[in-house]
């Protein structure tokens, strides 16, 4: 990424749901731990988890029609269950791409990992637009 736009944003603290999977780490040959799997990853879109009955619980956004995105997780590299979570609810944020995206594309949650893709034509989907791409993505996880 050659540049980033910095502007007004709003972050709020939520709690990851008990339904979020545990984060696992793996050690390299030197014993250094790195993220392996699980949890909600940094820059994934999140939603409120209404299944827990606790206000403020979040989980990864899904592609289910009518699911209203809350914001983008900012914590690195990922968060497991019952953890304080910093979520950007407005402004400019990085997000994880599900596939290639062109600058200017409207984006929506396009997979169950909370990643975004180019939004379909109006009326094709009941998914919410979460923003506009300010930089391009050439592949998944850009």
C-alpha atoms as a PDB file:
ATOM      1  CA  UNK A   1       0.000   0.000   0.000  1.00  0.00           C
ATOM      2  CA  UNK A   2       1.608   3.240  -1.132  1.00  0.00           C
ATOM      3  CA  UNK A   3      -0.450   5.561   1.042  1.00  0.00           C
ATOM      4  CA  UNK A   4      -3.297   5.624   3.494  1.00  0.00           C
ATOM      5  CA  UNK A   5      -5.991   8.178   4.127  1.00  0.00           C
ATOM      6  CA  UNK A   6      -6.153   9.280   7.733  1.00  0.00           C
ATOM      7  CA  UNK A   7      -9.364  10.876   8.880  1.00  0.00           C
ATOM      8  CA  UNK A   8     -11.841  11.048  11.665  1.00  0.00           C
ATOM      9  CA  UNK A   9     -12.805   7.640  12.947  1.00  0.00           C
ATOM     10  CA  UNK A  10     -14.671   6.201  15.867  1.00  0.00           C
ATOM     11  CA  UNK A  11     -13.495   3.156  17.816  1.00  0.00           C
ATOM     12  CA  UNK A  12     -15.531   1.399  20.487  1.00  0.00           C
ATOM     13  CA  UNK A  13     -14.754  -1.426  22.872  1.00  0.00           C
ATOM     14  CA  UNK A  14     -16.871  -4.592  22.694  1.00  0.00           C
ATOM     15  CA  UNK A  15     -16.374  -8.165  23.959  1.00  0.00           C
ATOM     16  CA  UNK A  16     -15.801 -11.172  21.745  1.00  0.00           C
ATOM     17  CA  UNK A  17     -18.588 -13.716  22.062  1.00  0.00           C
ATOM     18  CA  UNK A  18     -18.253 -17.071  23.789  1.00  0.00           C
ATOM     19  CA  UNK A  19     -19.123 -18.467  20.338  1.00  0.00           C
ATOM     20  CA  UNK A  20     -15.793 -17.227  18.922  1.00  0.00           C
ATOM     21  CA  UNK A  21     -13.231 -20.010  18.448  1.00  0.00           C
ATOM     22  CA  UNK A  22     -10.025 -20.126  20.450  1.00  0.00           C
ATOM     23  CA  UNK A  23      -6.934 -18.589  18.867  1.00  0.00           C
ATOM     24  CA  UNK A  24      -4.090 -21.039  18.269  1.00  0.00           C
ATOM     25  CA  UNK A  25      -0.445 -20.231  17.766  1.00  0.00           C
ATOM     26  CA  UNK A  26       2.376 -22.283  16.304  1.00  0.00           C
ATOM     27  CA  UNK A  27       6.073 -22.060  17.129  1.00  0.00           C
ATOM     28  CA  UNK A  28       8.774 -21.810  14.493  1.00  0.00           C
ATOM     29  CA  UNK A  29      12.178 -23.521  14.749  1.00  0.00           C
ATOM     30  CA  UNK A  30      13.332 -20.806  17.165  1.00  0.00           C
ATOM     31  CA  UNK A  31      10.306 -21.087  19.426  1.00  0.00           C
ATOM     32  CA  UNK A  32       8.730 -17.832  18.233  1.00  0.00           C
ATOM     33  CA  UNK A  33       4.944 -18.022  18.368  1.00  0.00           C
ATOM     34  CA  UNK A  34       2.953 -16.852  15.362  1.00  0.00           C
ATOM     35  CA  UNK A  35      -0.777 -16.766  14.698  1.00  0.00           C
ATOM     36  CA  UNK A  36      -2.042 -20.084  13.343  1.00  0.00           C
ATOM     37  CA  UNK A  37      -5.863 -20.089  13.336  1.00  0.00           C
ATOM     38  CA  UNK A  38      -9.097 -19.279  15.131  1.00  0.00           C
ATOM     39  CA  UNK A  39     -10.647 -16.234  16.721  1.00  0.00           C
ATOM     40  CA  UNK A  40     -11.598 -13.032  14.960  1.00  0.00           C
ATOM     41  CA  UNK A  41      -8.661 -11.806  12.895  1.00  0.00           C
ATOM     42  CA  UNK A  42      -7.500  -8.222  12.636  1.00  0.00           C
ATOM     43  CA  UNK A  43      -9.377  -6.232   9.964  1.00  0.00           C
ATOM     44  CA  UNK A  44     -12.328  -8.651   9.732  1.00  0.00           C
ATOM     45  CA  UNK A  45     -15.831  -7.208   9.686  1.00  0.00           C
ATOM     46  CA  UNK A  46     -17.805  -8.036  12.841  1.00  0.00           C
ATOM     47  CA  UNK A  47     -21.459  -8.054  13.918  1.00  0.00           C
ATOM     48  CA  UNK A  48     -23.254  -8.148  17.249  1.00  0.00           C
ATOM     49  CA  UNK A  49     -23.818 -11.739  18.424  1.00  0.00           C
ATOM     50  CA  UNK A  50     -27.474 -11.750  19.465  1.00  0.00           C
ATOM     51  CA  UNK A  51     -27.364 -15.487  20.287  1.00  0.00           C
ATOM     52  CA  UNK A  52     -25.482 -14.943  23.570  1.00  0.00           C
ATOM     53  CA  UNK A  53     -28.075 -12.609  25.043  1.00  0.00           C
ATOM     54  CA  UNK A  54     -25.312 -10.290  26.271  1.00  0.00           C
ATOM     55  CA  UNK A  55     -25.238  -6.770  24.829  1.00  0.00           C
ATOM     56  CA  UNK A  56     -21.916  -5.850  23.249  1.00  0.00           C
ATOM     57  CA  UNK A  57     -20.850  -9.393  22.287  1.00  0.00           C
ATOM     58  CA  UNK A  58     -19.367  -9.583  18.779  1.00  0.00           C
ATOM     59  CA  UNK A  59     -18.551 -12.305  16.266  1.00  0.00           C
ATOM     60  CA  UNK A  60     -17.304 -12.475  12.668  1.00  0.00           C
ATOM     61  CA  UNK A  61     -19.771 -11.102  10.140  1.00  0.00           C
ATOM     62  CA  UNK A  62     -21.383 -13.652   7.860  1.00  0.00           C
ATOM     63  CA  UNK A  63     -22.826 -13.459   4.383  1.00  0.00           C
ATOM     64  CA  UNK A  64     -26.367 -14.041   5.650  1.00  0.00           C
ATOM     65  CA  UNK A  65     -28.848 -11.687   4.016  1.00  0.00           C
ATOM     66  CA  UNK A  66     -29.898  -8.874   6.317  1.00  0.00           C
ATOM     67  CA  UNK A  67     -26.906  -9.188   8.664  1.00  0.00           C
ATOM     68  CA  UNK A  68     -26.008  -5.619   9.664  1.00  0.00           C
ATOM     69  CA  UNK A  69     -22.223  -5.111  10.006  1.00  0.00           C
ATOM     70  CA  UNK A  70     -21.058  -3.341  13.182  1.00  0.00           C
ATOM     71  CA  UNK A  71     -17.477  -2.425  12.294  1.00  0.00           C
ATOM     72  CA  UNK A  72     -13.932  -3.715  11.733  1.00  0.00           C
ATOM     73  CA  UNK A  73     -11.804  -5.423  14.418  1.00  0.00           C
ATOM     74  CA  UNK A  74      -8.549  -3.522  14.947  1.00  0.00           C
ATOM     75  CA  UNK A  75      -6.741  -5.872  17.385  1.00  0.00           C
ATOM     76  CA  UNK A  76      -3.653  -7.821  16.208  1.00  0.00           C
ATOM     77  CA  UNK A  77      -3.373 -10.650  15.205  1.00  0.00           C
ATOM     78  CA  UNK A  78      -6.685 -12.109  16.414  1.00  0.00           C
ATOM     79  CA  UNK A  79      -8.911 -12.332  19.471  1.00  0.00           C
ATOM     80  CA  UNK A  80     -10.434 -15.421  21.070  1.00  0.00           C
ATOM     81  CA  UNK A  81     -13.617 -15.715  23.150  1.00  0.00           C
ATOM     82  CA  UNK A  82     -14.493 -13.342  26.025  1.00  0.00           C
ATOM     83  CA  UNK A  83     -11.837 -10.751  25.179  1.00  0.00           C
ATOM     84  CA  UNK A  84     -12.081  -6.948  25.044  1.00  0.00           C
ATOM     85  CA  UNK A  85     -12.158  -5.938  21.386  1.00  0.00           C
ATOM     86  CA  UNK A  86     -11.348  -2.613  19.730  1.00  0.00           C
ATOM     87  CA  UNK A  87     -13.829  -2.154  16.861  1.00  0.00           C
ATOM     88  CA  UNK A  88     -13.746   0.741  14.416  1.00  0.00           C
ATOM     89  CA  UNK A  89     -17.368   1.642  13.733  1.00  0.00           C
ATOM     90  CA  UNK A  90     -16.863   4.611  11.407  1.00  0.00           C
ATOM     91  CA  UNK A  91     -14.188   6.268   9.310  1.00  0.00           C
ATOM     92  CA  UNK A  92     -11.456   4.738   7.153  1.00  0.00           C
ATOM     93  CA  UNK A  93     -10.085   1.297   8.087  1.00  0.00           C
ATOM     94  CA  UNK A  94      -8.130  -1.478   6.494  1.00  0.00           C
ATOM     95  CA  UNK A  95     -10.182  -4.622   5.831  1.00  0.00           C
ATOM     96  CA  UNK A  96      -9.228  -8.103   4.649  1.00  0.00           C
ATOM     97  CA  UNK A  97     -10.149  -8.860   1.052  1.00  0.00           C
ATOM     98  CA  UNK A  98     -11.837 -12.103   0.006  1.00  0.00           C
ATOM     99  CA  UNK A  99     -10.637 -11.684  -3.587  1.00  0.00           C
ATOM    100  CA  UNK A 100      -9.319  -9.070  -6.005  1.00  0.00           C
ATOM    101  CA  UNK A 101     -10.872  -5.619  -5.561  1.00  0.00           C
ATOM    102  CA  UNK A 102     -10.471  -2.525  -7.734  1.00  0.00           C
ATOM    103  CA  UNK A 103     -10.005   0.988  -6.352  1.00  0.00           C
ATOM    104  CA  UNK A 104     -13.422   2.647  -6.112  1.00  0.00           C
ATOM    105  CA  UNK A 105     -15.416  -0.589  -5.821  1.00  0.00           C
ATOM    106  CA  UNK A 106     -18.219  -0.684  -3.286  1.00  0.00           C
ATOM    107  CA  UNK A 107     -17.486  -3.583  -0.915  1.00  0.00           C
ATOM    108  CA  UNK A 108     -19.612  -5.866   1.245  1.00  0.00           C
ATOM    109  CA  UNK A 109     -19.016  -8.893   3.482  1.00  0.00           C
ATOM    110  CA  UNK A 110     -18.552 -11.633   0.904  1.00  0.00           C
ATOM    111  CA  UNK A 111     -17.538 -14.694   2.935  1.00  0.00           C
ATOM    112  CA  UNK A 112     -17.969 -16.296   6.357  1.00  0.00           C
ATOM    113  CA  UNK A 113     -14.494 -15.093   7.432  1.00  0.00           C
ATOM    114  CA  UNK A 114     -15.636 -11.462   7.595  1.00  0.00           C
ATOM    115  CA  UNK A 115     -13.636 -10.519   4.489  1.00  0.00           C
ATOM    116  CA  UNK A 116     -14.922  -8.107   1.860  1.00  0.00           C
ATOM    117  CA  UNK A 117     -15.389  -8.338  -1.891  1.00  0.00           C
ATOM    118  CA  UNK A 118     -16.790  -6.209  -4.690  1.00  0.00           C
ATOM    119  CA  UNK A 119     -20.502  -5.713  -4.094  1.00  0.00           C
ATOM    120  CA  UNK A 120     -22.937  -7.191  -6.621  1.00  0.00           C
ATOM    121  CA  UNK A 121     -25.219  -4.990  -8.700  1.00  0.00           C
ATOM    122  CA  UNK A 122     -28.029  -3.243  -6.862  1.00  0.00           C
ATOM    123  CA  UNK A 123     -30.967  -5.504  -6.134  1.00  0.00           C
ATOM    124  CA  UNK A 124     -28.983  -8.739  -6.596  1.00  0.00           C
ATOM    125  CA  UNK A 125     -28.215  -9.232  -2.908  1.00  0.00           C
ATOM    126  CA  UNK A 126     -29.645  -8.233   0.440  1.00  0.00           C
ATOM    127  CA  UNK A 127     -26.179  -7.562   1.846  1.00  0.00           C
ATOM    128  CA  UNK A 128     -25.083  -4.233   3.294  1.00  0.00           C
ATOM    129  CA  UNK A 129     -22.368  -2.144   1.642  1.00  0.00           C
ATOM    130  CA  UNK A 130     -19.593  -1.578   4.213  1.00  0.00           C
ATOM    131  CA  UNK A 131     -17.482   0.907   2.267  1.00  0.00           C
ATOM    132  CA  UNK A 132     -15.565   1.846  -0.851  1.00  0.00           C
ATOM    133  CA  UNK A 133     -12.111   0.509  -1.739  1.00  0.00           C
ATOM    134  CA  UNK A 134      -9.452   3.226  -1.482  1.00  0.00           C
ATOM    135  CA  UNK A 135      -6.678   0.817  -2.507  1.00  0.00           C
ATOM    136  CA  UNK A 136      -6.688  -2.283  -4.694  1.00  0.00           C
ATOM    137  CA  UNK A 137      -6.454  -5.891  -3.559  1.00  0.00           C
ATOM    138  CA  UNK A 138      -4.987  -8.445  -5.951  1.00  0.00           C
ATOM    139  CA  UNK A 139      -5.877 -11.598  -4.005  1.00  0.00           C
ATOM    140  CA  UNK A 140      -7.546 -12.994  -0.894  1.00  0.00           C
ATOM    141  CA  UNK A 141      -6.211 -11.655   2.418  1.00  0.00           C
ATOM    142  CA  UNK A 142      -4.718  -8.487   0.907  1.00  0.00           C
END
